[in-house]
Amino acid sequence: MTRPVLVTGAAGFIGAALSVRLLERGERVVGIDNLNSYYDPQLKRARLALIEEAAPADAWRFEQLALEDGEALMALFAAEQPRVVVNLAAQAGVRYSLENPAAYIQSNLVGFGHILEGCRHHGVDNLVYASSSSVYGGNRNLPFHERQPVNHPVSLYAASKKANELMAHTYSHLYGLPATGLRFFTVYGPWGRPDMAPMLFAKAILAGDPIKVFNHGKMQRDFTYIDDIVEGVMRCCDKPATANPDFDPLQPDPATAAAPHRVFNIGNSQPTELLRFIEVMEQALGKEAIKDFQPMQPGDVVATAANTQALEAWVGFCPSTPIEEGVDRFARWYREFNGV
């Protein structure tokens, strides 16, 4: 039997979409998720049902498990011997990290440490893990590229993602584990997270409730459609990181290494004003939003934009779905899923 792909956070937004695509192309997939109540577990269960629908017999196994449970995770690694690990499980959300920092320490640091140990001890060929555009923090030098320093996080969530990159690099250096960190930029689309702007906006617009527009709408985000994200992750699963033969320790490149570790931005490279995004959402839903303009939130950044040349050079792909197309697909799914 072929060794499976292990997807952590499999009931999450990206994890579920990735699991379906992997199964569709004939992979055996083992998914784990702790199904926590950070947002409605019913949505997570609905995503799992979608995966089960796509899965041929014996191709899919799901285990409810938290990354922090090192013993259970090691038992799973020993039983399944995964070939590729895609780590998408994390305590998500920048704003939540201001209120509940301890959750981030456990899931994003302790949990990721257990993943690295599992990979090290069970001969994993390739680790692909979620980082985040939030690592760029206080940087205003747009578009962000991987060679820029990321030393000024403005939320604990961002700091935990930067820490993941450092931890993965260390395992690549010490144990030869090929690892690729993907800095996701504002992912949206069908089956998305209810705490993210698109879902919050759609719900409020259709209910006739005001939507909170932070920094008076003077924010830009590099909204990236879910299918593009999944395509980028799949391609990195198929191409493990290698050491950079030209790595110069006298002028070290932050994006590559003398070890098999690489970091890539994965974003749409088309930053969009928040008010423009709301306008596109209004058109897709056929209803105008009531806007409640609010000041900037702590831990937030004014703008994000991805330079994705490194990803394109590495796997021959970069995201390109226009927001008009992506938001329209999202709006149709939202109405259907919620019966509104």
C-alpha atoms as a PDB file:
ATOM      1  CA  MET A   1       0.000   0.000   0.000  1.00  0.00           C
ATOM      2  CA  THR A   2       1.313   3.452  -0.893  1.00  0.00           C
ATOM      3  CA  ARG A   3       2.327   5.691   1.968  1.00  0.00           C
ATOM      4  CA  PRO A   4      -0.294   8.391   2.552  1.00  0.00           C
ATOM      5  CA  VAL A   5      -0.255  12.158   2.674  1.00  0.00           C
ATOM      6  CA  LEU A   6      -0.954  13.374   6.223  1.00  0.00           C
ATOM      7  CA  VAL A   7      -2.994  16.590   6.286  1.00  0.00           C
ATOM      8  CA  THR A   8      -3.299  18.328   9.655  1.00  0.00           C
ATOM      9  CA  GLY A   9      -6.178  20.750  10.077  1.00  0.00           C
ATOM     10  CA  ALA A  10      -8.081  18.587   7.583  1.00  0.00           C
ATOM     11  CA  ALA A  11     -11.481  19.930   8.684  1.00  0.00           C
ATOM     12  CA  GLY A  12     -10.260  23.496   8.202  1.00  0.00           C
ATOM     13  CA  PHE A  13     -10.835  25.730   5.190  1.00  0.00           C
ATOM     14  CA  ILE A  14      -7.606  24.982   3.316  1.00  0.00           C
ATOM     15  CA  GLY A  15      -7.128  21.479   4.746  1.00  0.00           C
ATOM     16  CA  ALA A  16     -10.518  20.224   3.521  1.00  0.00           C
ATOM     17  CA  ALA A  17     -10.096  21.693   0.029  1.00  0.00           C
ATOM     18  CA  LEU A  18      -6.602  20.180  -0.211  1.00  0.00           C
ATOM     19  CA  SER A  19      -7.771  16.756   1.014  1.00  0.00           C
ATOM     20  CA  VAL A  20     -10.473  16.625  -1.677  1.00  0.00           C
ATOM     21  CA  ARG A  21      -7.958  17.489  -4.412  1.00  0.00           C
ATOM     22  CA  LEU A  22      -5.440  14.912  -3.175  1.00  0.00           C
ATOM     23  CA  LEU A  23      -8.113  12.202  -3.108  1.00  0.00           C
ATOM     24  CA  GLU A  24      -9.315  13.176  -6.587  1.00  0.00           C
ATOM     25  CA  ARG A  25      -5.866  12.551  -7.982  1.00  0.00           C
ATOM     26  CA  GLY A  26      -5.605   9.127  -6.360  1.00  0.00           C
ATOM     27  CA  GLU A  27      -3.638   9.785  -3.157  1.00  0.00           C
ATOM     28  CA  ARG A  28      -4.344   8.021   0.116  1.00  0.00           C
ATOM     29  CA  VAL A  29      -5.003  10.751   2.701  1.00  0.00           C
ATOM     30  CA  VAL A  30      -4.952  10.680   6.490  1.00  0.00           C
ATOM     31  CA  GLY A  31      -6.578  13.774   8.003  1.00  0.00           C
ATOM     32  CA  ILE A  32      -6.368  14.998  11.571  1.00  0.00           C
ATOM     33  CA  ASP A  33      -8.145  17.889  13.260  1.00  0.00           C
ATOM     34  CA  ASN A  34      -9.067  18.683  16.847  1.00  0.00           C
ATOM     35  CA  LEU A  35     -12.466  20.111  15.751  1.00  0.00           C
ATOM     36  CA  ASN A  36     -12.138  22.844  18.372  1.00  0.00           C
ATOM     37  CA  SER A  37     -14.833  25.432  18.946  1.00  0.00           C
ATOM     38  CA  TYR A  38     -12.858  28.516  17.810  1.00  0.00           C
ATOM     39  CA  TYR A  39     -15.644  28.624  15.242  1.00  0.00           C
ATOM     40  CA  ASP A  40     -18.726  26.442  14.681  1.00  0.00           C
ATOM     41  CA  PRO A  41     -17.629  22.779  14.562  1.00  0.00           C
ATOM     42  CA  GLN A  42     -20.715  22.081  12.418  1.00  0.00           C
ATOM     43  CA  LEU A  43     -19.018  23.790   9.477  1.00  0.00           C
ATOM     44  CA  LYS A  44     -15.947  21.607  10.066  1.00  0.00           C
ATOM     45  CA  ARG A  45     -18.116  18.493  10.113  1.00  0.00           C
ATOM     46  CA  ALA A  46     -19.818  19.596   6.888  1.00  0.00           C
ATOM     47  CA  ARG A  47     -16.380  19.936   5.264  1.00  0.00           C
ATOM     48  CA  LEU A  48     -15.450  16.441   6.485  1.00  0.00           C
ATOM     49  CA  ALA A  49     -18.650  15.091   4.908  1.00  0.00           C
ATOM     50  CA  LEU A  50     -17.570  16.710   1.631  1.00  0.00           C
ATOM     51  CA  ILE A  51     -14.190  14.920   1.832  1.00  0.00           C
ATOM     52  CA  GLU A  52     -15.867  11.584   2.599  1.00  0.00           C
ATOM     53  CA  GLU A  53     -18.057  12.052  -0.474  1.00  0.00           C
ATOM     54  CA  ALA A  54     -14.954  12.541  -2.648  1.00  0.00           C
ATOM     55  CA  ALA A  55     -13.022   9.629  -1.148  1.00  0.00           C
ATOM     56  CA  PRO A  56     -12.789   6.235  -2.833  1.00  0.00           C
ATOM     57  CA  ALA A  57     -12.983   3.213  -0.510  1.00  0.00           C
ATOM     58  CA  ASP A  58     -10.010   2.929   1.888  1.00  0.00           C
ATOM     59  CA  ALA A  59      -8.414   6.144   0.571  1.00  0.00           C
ATOM     60  CA  TRP A  60      -9.407   8.408   3.481  1.00  0.00           C
ATOM     61  CA  ARG A  61      -8.975   8.109   7.224  1.00  0.00           C
ATOM     62  CA  PHE A  62      -9.867  10.827   9.733  1.00  0.00           C
ATOM     63  CA  GLU A  63      -8.685  11.022  13.310  1.00  0.00           C
ATOM     64  CA  GLN A  64      -9.864  13.643  15.808  1.00  0.00           C
ATOM     65  CA  LEU A  65      -6.606  14.602  17.427  1.00  0.00           C
ATOM     66  CA  ALA A  66      -4.831  17.713  18.705  1.00  0.00           C
ATOM     67  CA  LEU A  67      -1.221  18.398  17.690  1.00  0.00           C
ATOM     68  CA  GLU A  68      -0.451  19.150  21.325  1.00  0.00           C
ATOM     69  CA  ASP A  69      -1.124  15.477  22.157  1.00  0.00           C
ATOM     70  CA  GLY A  70       2.395  14.292  21.315  1.00  0.00           C
ATOM     71  CA  GLU A  71       1.797  10.680  22.302  1.00  0.00           C
ATOM     72  CA  ALA A  72      -1.293  10.230  20.098  1.00  0.00           C
ATOM     73  CA  LEU A  73       0.406  12.031  17.209  1.00  0.00           C
ATOM     74  CA  MET A  74       3.523   9.820  17.405  1.00  0.00           C
ATOM     75  CA  ALA A  75       1.302   6.712  17.426  1.00  0.00           C
ATOM     76  CA  LEU A  76      -0.403   7.980  14.272  1.00  0.00           C
ATOM     77  CA  PHE A  77       2.944   8.623  12.541  1.00  0.00           C
ATOM     78  CA  ALA A  78       4.108   5.115  13.509  1.00  0.00           C
ATOM     79  CA  ALA A  79       0.910   3.484  12.216  1.00  0.00           C
ATOM     80  CA  GLU A  80       0.577   5.423   8.958  1.00  0.00           C
ATOM     81  CA  GLN A  81       4.212   6.215   8.003  1.00  0.00           C
ATOM     82  CA  PRO A  82       3.210   9.233   5.872  1.00  0.00           C
ATOM     83  CA  ARG A  83       5.275  10.078   2.801  1.00  0.00           C
ATOM     84  CA  VAL A  84       4.302  13.770   2.774  1.00  0.00           C
ATOM     85  CA  VAL A  85       3.012  15.883   5.676  1.00  0.00           C
ATOM     86  CA  VAL A  86       1.043  19.087   5.087  1.00  0.00           C
ATOM     87  CA  ASN A  87       0.693  21.011   8.340  1.00  0.00           C
ATOM     88  CA  LEU A  88      -2.312  23.329   8.181  1.00  0.00           C
ATOM     89  CA  ALA A  89      -3.463  22.863  11.787  1.00  0.00           C
ATOM     90  CA  ALA A  90      -2.946  25.943  13.908  1.00  0.00           C
ATOM     91  CA  GLN A  91      -4.805  28.239  16.191  1.00  0.00           C
ATOM     92  CA  ALA A  92      -5.891  30.762  13.584  1.00  0.00           C
ATOM     93  CA  GLY A  93      -6.779  34.428  13.733  1.00  0.00           C
ATOM     94  CA  VAL A  94      -4.749  37.537  14.432  1.00  0.00           C
ATOM     95  CA  ARG A  95      -7.368  39.283  16.577  1.00  0.00           C
ATOM     96  CA  TYR A  96      -8.056  36.215  18.725  1.00  0.00           C
ATOM     97  CA  SER A  97      -4.339  36.045  19.565  1.00  0.00           C
ATOM     98  CA  LEU A  98      -4.698  39.343  21.441  1.00  0.00           C
ATOM     99  CA  GLU A  99      -7.269  37.784  23.787  1.00  0.00           C
ATOM    100  CA  ASN A 100      -6.040  34.215  24.079  1.00  0.00           C
ATOM    101  CA  PRO A 101      -2.265  34.018  23.591  1.00  0.00           C
ATOM    102  CA  ALA A 102      -1.874  30.695  25.433  1.00  0.00           C
ATOM    103  CA  ALA A 103      -3.797  28.831  22.701  1.00  0.00           C
ATOM    104  CA  TYR A 104      -1.196  29.940  20.160  1.00  0.00           C
ATOM    105  CA  ILE A 105       1.740  28.759  22.238  1.00  0.00           C
ATOM    106  CA  GLN A 106       0.204  25.286  22.569  1.00  0.00           C
ATOM    107  CA  SER A 107      -1.032  24.713  19.030  1.00  0.00           C
ATOM    108  CA  ASN A 108       1.397  26.705  16.899  1.00  0.00           C
ATOM    109  CA  LEU A 109       4.615  26.070  18.835  1.00  0.00           C
ATOM    110  CA  VAL A 110       4.242  22.901  20.938  1.00  0.00           C
ATOM    111  CA  GLY A 111       2.038  21.252  18.287  1.00  0.00           C
ATOM    112  CA  PHE A 112       4.377  22.131  15.434  1.00  0.00           C
ATOM    113  CA  GLY A 113       7.310  20.773  17.458  1.00  0.00           C
ATOM    114  CA  HIS A 114       5.487  17.431  17.641  1.00  0.00           C
ATOM    115  CA  ILE A 115       4.929  17.459  13.857  1.00  0.00           C
ATOM    116  CA  LEU A 116       8.655  18.029  13.279  1.00  0.00           C
ATOM    117  CA  GLU A 117       9.523  15.167  15.632  1.00  0.00           C
ATOM    118  CA  GLY A 118       7.062  12.883  13.837  1.00  0.00           C
ATOM    119  CA  CYS A 119       8.657  13.754  10.491  1.00  0.00           C
ATOM    120  CA  ARG A 120      12.154  13.220  11.851  1.00  0.00           C
ATOM    121  CA  HIS A 121      11.524   9.814  13.395  1.00  0.00           C
ATOM    122  CA  HIS A 122       9.315   8.314  10.683  1.00  0.00           C
ATOM    123  CA  GLY A 123      11.187   8.993   7.464  1.00  0.00           C
ATOM    124  CA  VAL A 124       8.870  11.648   6.008  1.00  0.00           C
ATOM    125  CA  ASP A 125      10.048  12.663   2.508  1.00  0.00           C
ATOM    126  CA  ASN A 126       8.567  16.158   2.467  1.00  0.00           C
ATOM    127  CA  LEU A 127       6.987  18.605   4.923  1.00  0.00           C
ATOM    128  CA  VAL A 128       4.896  21.494   3.611  1.00  0.00           C
ATOM    129  CA  TYR A 129       3.635  23.824   6.334  1.00  0.00           C
ATOM    130  CA  ALA A 130       1.482  26.925   6.616  1.00  0.00           C
ATOM    131  CA  SER A 131       3.210  30.152   7.445  1.00  0.00           C
ATOM    132  CA  SER A 132       1.435  33.475   6.943  1.00  0.00           C
ATOM    133  CA  SER A 133       1.741  36.889   5.314  1.00  0.00           C
ATOM    134  CA  SER A 134       1.336  38.260   8.847  1.00  0.00           C
ATOM    135  CA  VAL A 135       5.059  37.527   9.446  1.00  0.00           C
ATOM    136  CA  TYR A 136       5.813  40.740   7.505  1.00  0.00           C
ATOM    137  CA  GLY A 137       4.285  42.655  10.429  1.00  0.00           C
ATOM    138  CA  GLY A 138       5.409  46.268  10.615  1.00  0.00           C
ATOM    139  CA  ASN A 139       6.995  46.170   7.136  1.00  0.00           C
ATOM    140  CA  ARG A 140       5.459  48.718   4.721  1.00  0.00           C
ATOM    141  CA  ASN A 141       7.755  47.962   1.790  1.00  0.00           C
ATOM    142  CA  LEU A 142       5.251  46.510  -0.716  1.00  0.00           C
ATOM    143  CA  PRO A 143       5.016  44.080  -2.380  1.00  0.00           C
ATOM    144  CA  PHE A 144       6.442  41.769   0.260  1.00  0.00           C
ATOM    145  CA  HIS A 145       9.121  39.376  -0.935  1.00  0.00           C
ATOM    146  CA  GLU A 146      10.805  36.501   0.856  1.00  0.00           C
ATOM    147  CA  ARG A 147      14.211  38.142   1.037  1.00  0.00           C
ATOM    148  CA  GLN A 148      12.885  40.922   3.268  1.00  0.00           C
ATOM    149  CA  PRO A 149      13.586  40.571   6.997  1.00  0.00           C
ATOM    150  CA  VAL A 150      10.565  39.547   9.091  1.00  0.00           C
ATOM    151  CA  ASN A 151      11.713  40.706  12.501  1.00  0.00           C
ATOM    152  CA  HIS A 152       8.814  42.957  13.531  1.00  0.00           C
ATOM    153  CA  PRO A 153       5.651  40.883  14.102  1.00  0.00           C
ATOM    154  CA  VAL A 154       2.672  42.844  15.430  1.00  0.00           C
ATOM    155  CA  SER A 155       0.659  39.880  16.785  1.00  0.00           C
ATOM    156  CA  LEU A 156       1.518  36.690  18.646  1.00  0.00           C
ATOM    157  CA  TYR A 157      -0.048  34.761  15.760  1.00  0.00           C
ATOM    158  CA  ALA A 158       2.537  36.289  13.395  1.00  0.00           C
ATOM    159  CA  ALA A 159       5.353  35.611  15.864  1.00  0.00           C
ATOM    160  CA  SER A 160       4.282  31.950  16.126  1.00  0.00           C
ATOM    161  CA  LYS A 161       4.390  31.589  12.329  1.00  0.00           C
ATOM    162  CA  LYS A 162       7.864  33.142  12.146  1.00  0.00           C
ATOM    163  CA  ALA A 163       8.890  30.715  14.895  1.00  0.00           C
ATOM    164  CA  ASN A 164       7.578  27.808  12.769  1.00  0.00           C
ATOM    165  CA  GLU A 165       9.843  28.876   9.911  1.00  0.00           C
ATOM    166  CA  LEU A 166      12.847  28.930  12.242  1.00  0.00           C
ATOM    167  CA  MET A 167      11.955  25.553  13.783  1.00  0.00           C
ATOM    168  CA  ALA A 168      11.490  23.921  10.362  1.00  0.00           C
ATOM    169  CA  HIS A 169      14.781  25.333   9.110  1.00  0.00           C
ATOM    170  CA  THR A 170      16.536  23.857  12.148  1.00  0.00           C
ATOM    171  CA  TYR A 171      15.142  20.377  11.422  1.00  0.00           C
ATOM    172  CA  SER A 172      16.127  20.726   7.762  1.00  0.00           C
ATOM    173  CA  HIS A 173      19.639  21.682   8.846  1.00  0.00           C
ATOM    174  CA  LEU A 174      20.097  19.053  11.566  1.00  0.00           C
ATOM    175  CA  TYR A 175      18.179  16.090  10.139  1.00  0.00           C
ATOM    176  CA  GLY A 176      17.976  16.777   6.395  1.00  0.00           C
ATOM    177  CA  LEU A 177      14.154  17.088   6.463  1.00  0.00           C
ATOM    178  CA  PRO A 178      12.951  18.802   3.247  1.00  0.00           C
ATOM    179  CA  ALA A 179      10.533  21.510   4.406  1.00  0.00           C
ATOM    180  CA  THR A 180       8.652  24.261   2.584  1.00  0.00           C
ATOM    181  CA  GLY A 181       6.911  27.125   4.406  1.00  0.00           C
ATOM    182  CA  LEU A 182       4.087  28.859   2.539  1.00  0.00           C
ATOM    183  CA  ARG A 183       3.173  32.396   3.540  1.00  0.00           C
ATOM    184  CA  PHE A 184      -0.549  32.496   2.756  1.00  0.00           C
ATOM    185  CA  PHE A 185      -2.105  35.858   1.886  1.00  0.00           C
ATOM    186  CA  THR A 186      -5.804  36.404   2.891  1.00  0.00           C
ATOM    187  CA  VAL A 187      -7.427  33.225   1.586  1.00  0.00           C
ATOM    188  CA  TYR A 188     -11.132  33.328   0.675  1.00  0.00           C
ATOM    189  CA  GLY A 189     -13.699  31.251  -1.179  1.00  0.00           C
ATOM    190  CA  PRO A 190     -16.442  28.628  -0.656  1.00  0.00           C
ATOM    191  CA  TRP A 191     -16.319  26.773   2.686  1.00  0.00           C
ATOM    192  CA  GLY A 192     -14.258  29.639   4.185  1.00  0.00           C
ATOM    193  CA  ARG A 193     -13.797  30.580   7.814  1.00  0.00           C
ATOM    194  CA  PRO A 194     -16.711  32.395   9.498  1.00  0.00           C
ATOM    195  CA  ASP A 195     -14.344  34.716  11.399  1.00  0.00           C
ATOM    196  CA  MET A 196     -12.855  36.088   8.153  1.00  0.00           C
ATOM    197  CA  ALA A 197     -14.113  39.217   6.377  1.00  0.00           C
ATOM    198  CA  PRO A 198     -15.859  37.581   3.367  1.00  0.00           C
ATOM    199  CA  MET A 199     -18.089  35.397   5.548  1.00  0.00           C
ATOM    200  CA  LEU A 200     -18.753  38.181   8.072  1.00  0.00           C
ATOM    201  CA  PHE A 201     -19.596  40.613   5.264  1.00  0.00           C
ATOM    202  CA  ALA A 202     -21.925  38.202   3.419  1.00  0.00           C
ATOM    203  CA  LYS A 203     -23.809  37.319   6.595  1.00  0.00           C
ATOM    204  CA  ALA A 204     -24.294  40.964   7.631  1.00  0.00           C
ATOM    205  CA  ILE A 205     -25.166  42.252   4.141  1.00  0.00           C
ATOM    206  CA  LEU A 206     -27.880  39.626   3.603  1.00  0.00           C
ATOM    207  CA  ALA A 207     -29.277  40.192   7.122  1.00  0.00           C
ATOM    208  CA  GLY A 208     -29.292  43.995   6.639  1.00  0.00           C
ATOM    209  CA  ASP A 209     -26.865  44.432   9.552  1.00  0.00           C
ATOM    210  CA  PRO A 210     -23.945  46.902   9.495  1.00  0.00           C
ATOM    211  CA  ILE A 211     -20.502  45.562   8.619  1.00  0.00           C
ATOM    212  CA  LYS A 212     -17.448  46.740  10.538  1.00  0.00           C
ATOM    213  CA  VAL A 213     -14.984  48.388   8.162  1.00  0.00           C
ATOM    214  CA  PHE A 214     -11.661  48.810   9.957  1.00  0.00           C
ATOM    215  CA  ASN A 215      -9.257  51.703   9.415  1.00  0.00           C
ATOM    216  CA  HIS A 216     -12.193  53.460   7.689  1.00  0.00           C
ATOM    217  CA  GLY A 217     -11.761  51.148   4.701  1.00  0.00           C
ATOM    218  CA  LYS A 218      -8.211  52.358   4.020  1.00  0.00           C
ATOM    219  CA  MET A 219      -6.850  48.827   4.097  1.00  0.00           C
ATOM    220  CA  GLN A 220      -5.505  46.688   1.298  1.00  0.00           C
ATOM    221  CA  ARG A 221      -5.401  42.914   1.217  1.00  0.00           C
ATOM    222  CA  ASP A 222      -4.022  40.483  -1.323  1.00  0.00           C
ATOM    223  CA  PHE A 223      -7.196  38.354  -1.439  1.00  0.00           C
ATOM    224  CA  THR A 224      -6.233  34.897  -2.739  1.00  0.00           C
ATOM    225  CA  TYR A 225      -8.796  32.382  -3.981  1.00  0.00           C
ATOM    226  CA  ILE A 226      -8.850  28.960  -2.305  1.00  0.00           C
ATOM    227  CA  ASP A 227      -8.337  26.933  -5.521  1.00  0.00           C
ATOM    228  CA  ASP A 228      -5.131  28.871  -6.242  1.00  0.00           C
ATOM    229  CA  ILE A 229      -3.848  28.200  -2.731  1.00  0.00           C
ATOM    230  CA  VAL A 230      -4.554  24.473  -3.045  1.00  0.00           C
ATOM    231  CA  GLU A 231      -2.813  24.311  -6.432  1.00  0.00           C
ATOM    232  CA  GLY A 232       0.288  25.945  -4.950  1.00  0.00           C
ATOM    233  CA  VAL A 233       0.299  23.567  -1.963  1.00  0.00           C
ATOM    234  CA  MET A 234      -0.110  20.520  -4.252  1.00  0.00           C
ATOM    235  CA  ARG A 235       2.831  21.576  -6.380  1.00  0.00           C
ATOM    236  CA  CYS A 236       5.017  22.024  -3.305  1.00  0.00           C
ATOM    237  CA  CYS A 237       3.940  18.538  -2.132  1.00  0.00           C
ATOM    238  CA  ASP A 238       5.284  17.236  -5.450  1.00  0.00           C
ATOM    239  CA  LYS A 239       8.555  19.170  -5.283  1.00  0.00           C
ATOM    240  CA  PRO A 240      10.355  18.869  -1.932  1.00  0.00           C
ATOM    241  CA  ALA A 241      12.612  21.748  -0.921  1.00  0.00           C
ATOM    242  CA  THR A 242      16.292  21.403  -1.761  1.00  0.00           C
ATOM    243  CA  ALA A 243      19.336  23.240  -0.467  1.00  0.00           C
ATOM    244  CA  ASN A 244      20.273  26.337  -2.449  1.00  0.00           C
ATOM    245  CA  PRO A 245      23.642  25.471  -4.083  1.00  0.00           C
ATOM    246  CA  ASP A 246      24.428  29.207  -4.325  1.00  0.00           C
ATOM    247  CA  PHE A 247      23.649  29.978  -0.683  1.00  0.00           C
ATOM    248  CA  ASP A 248      26.239  32.457   0.573  1.00  0.00           C
ATOM    249  CA  PRO A 249      26.739  32.431   4.368  1.00  0.00           C
ATOM    250  CA  LEU A 250      28.399  35.845   4.085  1.00  0.00           C
ATOM    251  CA  GLN A 251      25.196  37.245   2.567  1.00  0.00           C
ATOM    252  CA  PRO A 252      22.529  34.787   3.736  1.00  0.00           C
ATOM    253  CA  ASP A 253      19.281  34.683   1.757  1.00  0.00           C
ATOM    254  CA  PRO A 254      16.316  34.461   4.211  1.00  0.00           C
ATOM    255  CA  ALA A 255      14.150  32.587   1.655  1.00  0.00           C
ATOM    256  CA  THR A 256      16.493  29.651   1.028  1.00  0.00           C
ATOM    257  CA  ALA A 257      19.240  27.840   2.914  1.00  0.00           C
ATOM    258  CA  ALA A 258      22.255  25.568   2.777  1.00  0.00           C
ATOM    259  CA  ALA A 259      19.711  23.030   4.133  1.00  0.00           C
ATOM    260  CA  PRO A 260      16.635  21.726   2.231  1.00  0.00           C
ATOM    261  CA  HIS A 261      14.325  24.483   3.473  1.00  0.00           C
ATOM    262  CA  ARG A 262      12.513  27.123   1.434  1.00  0.00           C
ATOM    263  CA  VAL A 263       9.903  29.772   2.152  1.00  0.00           C
ATOM    264  CA  PHE A 264       7.477  31.142  -0.457  1.00  0.00           C
ATOM    265  CA  ASN A 265       4.778  33.783  -0.618  1.00  0.00           C
ATOM    266  CA  ILE A 266       1.522  32.507  -2.038  1.00  0.00           C
ATOM    267  CA  GLY A 267      -0.816  35.388  -2.833  1.00  0.00           C
ATOM    268  CA  ASN A 268      -2.708  36.912  -5.731  1.00  0.00           C
ATOM    269  CA  SER A 269      -0.259  39.801  -6.313  1.00  0.00           C
ATOM    270  CA  GLN A 270      -3.294  42.057  -6.822  1.00  0.00           C
ATOM    271  CA  PRO A 271      -3.845  43.998  -3.581  1.00  0.00           C
ATOM    272  CA  THR A 272      -7.423  45.207  -3.290  1.00  0.00           C
ATOM    273  CA  GLU A 273      -8.826  48.107  -1.253  1.00  0.00           C
ATOM    274  CA  LEU A 274     -11.240  46.811   1.368  1.00  0.00           C
ATOM    275  CA  LEU A 275     -13.987  49.107   0.036  1.00  0.00           C
ATOM    276  CA  ARG A 276     -13.522  47.654  -3.459  1.00  0.00           C
ATOM    277  CA  PHE A 277     -13.817  44.134  -2.047  1.00  0.00           C
ATOM    278  CA  ILE A 278     -17.065  45.150  -0.299  1.00  0.00           C
ATOM    279  CA  GLU A 279     -18.355  46.642  -3.574  1.00  0.00           C
ATOM    280  CA  VAL A 280     -17.671  43.363  -5.419  1.00  0.00           C
ATOM    281  CA  MET A 281     -19.421  41.462  -2.606  1.00  0.00           C
ATOM    282  CA  GLU A 282     -22.447  43.802  -2.844  1.00  0.00           C
ATOM    283  CA  GLN A 283     -22.679  43.156  -6.597  1.00  0.00           C
ATOM    284  CA  ALA A 284     -22.369  39.377  -6.136  1.00  0.00           C
ATOM    285  CA  LEU A 285     -25.080  39.322  -3.444  1.00  0.00           C
ATOM    286  CA  GLY A 286     -27.290  41.944  -5.138  1.00  0.00           C
ATOM    287  CA  LYS A 287     -27.591  44.010  -1.954  1.00  0.00           C
ATOM    288  CA  GLU A 288     -25.867  47.096  -0.577  1.00  0.00           C
ATOM    289  CA  ALA A 289     -23.867  46.960   2.657  1.00  0.00           C
ATOM    290  CA  ILE A 290     -24.461  49.225   5.644  1.00  0.00           C
ATOM    291  CA  LYS A 291     -20.937  50.298   6.577  1.00  0.00           C
ATOM    292  CA  ASP A 292     -19.814  50.978  10.127  1.00  0.00           C
ATOM    293  CA  PHE A 293     -16.404  52.659   9.794  1.00  0.00           C
ATOM    294  CA  GLN A 294     -14.069  51.738  12.645  1.00  0.00           C
ATOM    295  CA  PRO A 295     -10.492  52.674  13.610  1.00  0.00           C
ATOM    296  CA  MET A 296      -7.530  50.392  12.969  1.00  0.00           C
ATOM    297  CA  GLN A 297      -7.450  47.295  15.211  1.00  0.00           C
ATOM    298  CA  PRO A 298      -4.424  46.406  17.361  1.00  0.00           C
ATOM    299  CA  GLY A 299      -2.334  43.665  15.731  1.00  0.00           C
ATOM    300  CA  ASP A 300      -3.586  44.528  12.247  1.00  0.00           C
ATOM    301  CA  VAL A 301      -1.552  45.795   9.286  1.00  0.00           C
ATOM    302  CA  VAL A 302      -2.609  48.434   6.762  1.00  0.00           C
ATOM    303  CA  ALA A 303      -1.732  46.566   3.575  1.00  0.00           C
ATOM    304  CA  THR A 304      -0.445  43.243   2.266  1.00  0.00           C
ATOM    305  CA  ALA A 305       0.742  42.382  -1.226  1.00  0.00           C
ATOM    306  CA  ALA A 306       2.692  39.342  -2.369  1.00  0.00           C
ATOM    307  CA  ASN A 307       5.586  39.140  -4.748  1.00  0.00           C
ATOM    308  CA  THR A 308       5.253  35.522  -5.951  1.00  0.00           C
ATOM    309  CA  GLN A 309       8.140  35.342  -8.434  1.00  0.00           C
ATOM    310  CA  ALA A 310      10.041  32.834  -6.277  1.00  0.00           C
ATOM    311  CA  LEU A 311       7.065  30.446  -6.107  1.00  0.00           C
ATOM    312  CA  GLU A 312       6.483  30.724  -9.852  1.00  0.00           C
ATOM    313  CA  ALA A 313      10.155  30.028 -10.581  1.00  0.00           C
ATOM    314  CA  TRP A 314      10.076  26.991  -8.242  1.00  0.00           C
ATOM    315  CA  VAL A 315       6.788  25.264  -9.214  1.00  0.00           C
ATOM    316  CA  GLY A 316       5.679  27.069 -12.381  1.00  0.00           C
ATOM    317  CA  PHE A 317       2.500  28.493 -10.839  1.00  0.00           C
ATOM    318  CA  CYS A 318       1.229  31.608  -9.105  1.00  0.00           C
ATOM    319  CA  PRO A 319      -2.333  32.554  -8.077  1.00  0.00           C
ATOM    320  CA  SER A 320      -4.305  34.715 -10.511  1.00  0.00           C
ATOM    321  CA  THR A 321      -8.071  34.347  -9.915  1.00  0.00           C
ATOM    322  CA  PRO A 322      -9.599  37.870 -10.122  1.00  0.00           C
ATOM    323  CA  ILE A 323     -11.648  38.847  -7.051  1.00  0.00           C
ATOM    324  CA  GLU A 324     -14.733  39.415  -9.219  1.00  0.00           C
ATOM    325  CA  GLU A 325     -14.679  35.733 -10.211  1.00  0.00           C
ATOM    326  CA  GLY A 326     -13.700  34.423  -6.769  1.00  0.00           C
ATOM    327  CA  VAL A 327     -16.259  36.496  -4.853  1.00  0.00           C
ATOM    328  CA  ASP A 328     -19.017  35.499  -7.269  1.00  0.00           C
ATOM    329  CA  ARG A 329     -18.248  31.786  -6.674  1.00  0.00           C
ATOM    330  CA  PHE A 330     -18.121  32.419  -2.925  1.00  0.00           C
ATOM    331  CA  ALA A 331     -21.452  34.302  -2.908  1.00  0.00           C
ATOM    332  CA  ARG A 332     -23.229  31.539  -4.839  1.00  0.00           C
ATOM    333  CA  TRP A 333     -21.883  28.923  -2.428  1.00  0.00           C
ATOM    334  CA  TYR A 334     -22.814  31.063   0.610  1.00  0.00           C
ATOM    335  CA  ARG A 335     -26.434  31.453  -0.479  1.00  0.00           C
ATOM    336  CA  GLU A 336     -26.762  27.760  -1.259  1.00  0.00           C
ATOM    337  CA  PHE A 337     -25.063  26.535   1.925  1.00  0.00           C
ATOM    338  CA  ASN A 338     -27.070  28.836   4.193  1.00  0.00           C
ATOM    339  CA  GLY A 339     -30.327  28.703   2.213  1.00  0.00           C
ATOM    340  CA  VAL A 340     -30.533  32.496   1.860  1.00  0.00           C
END
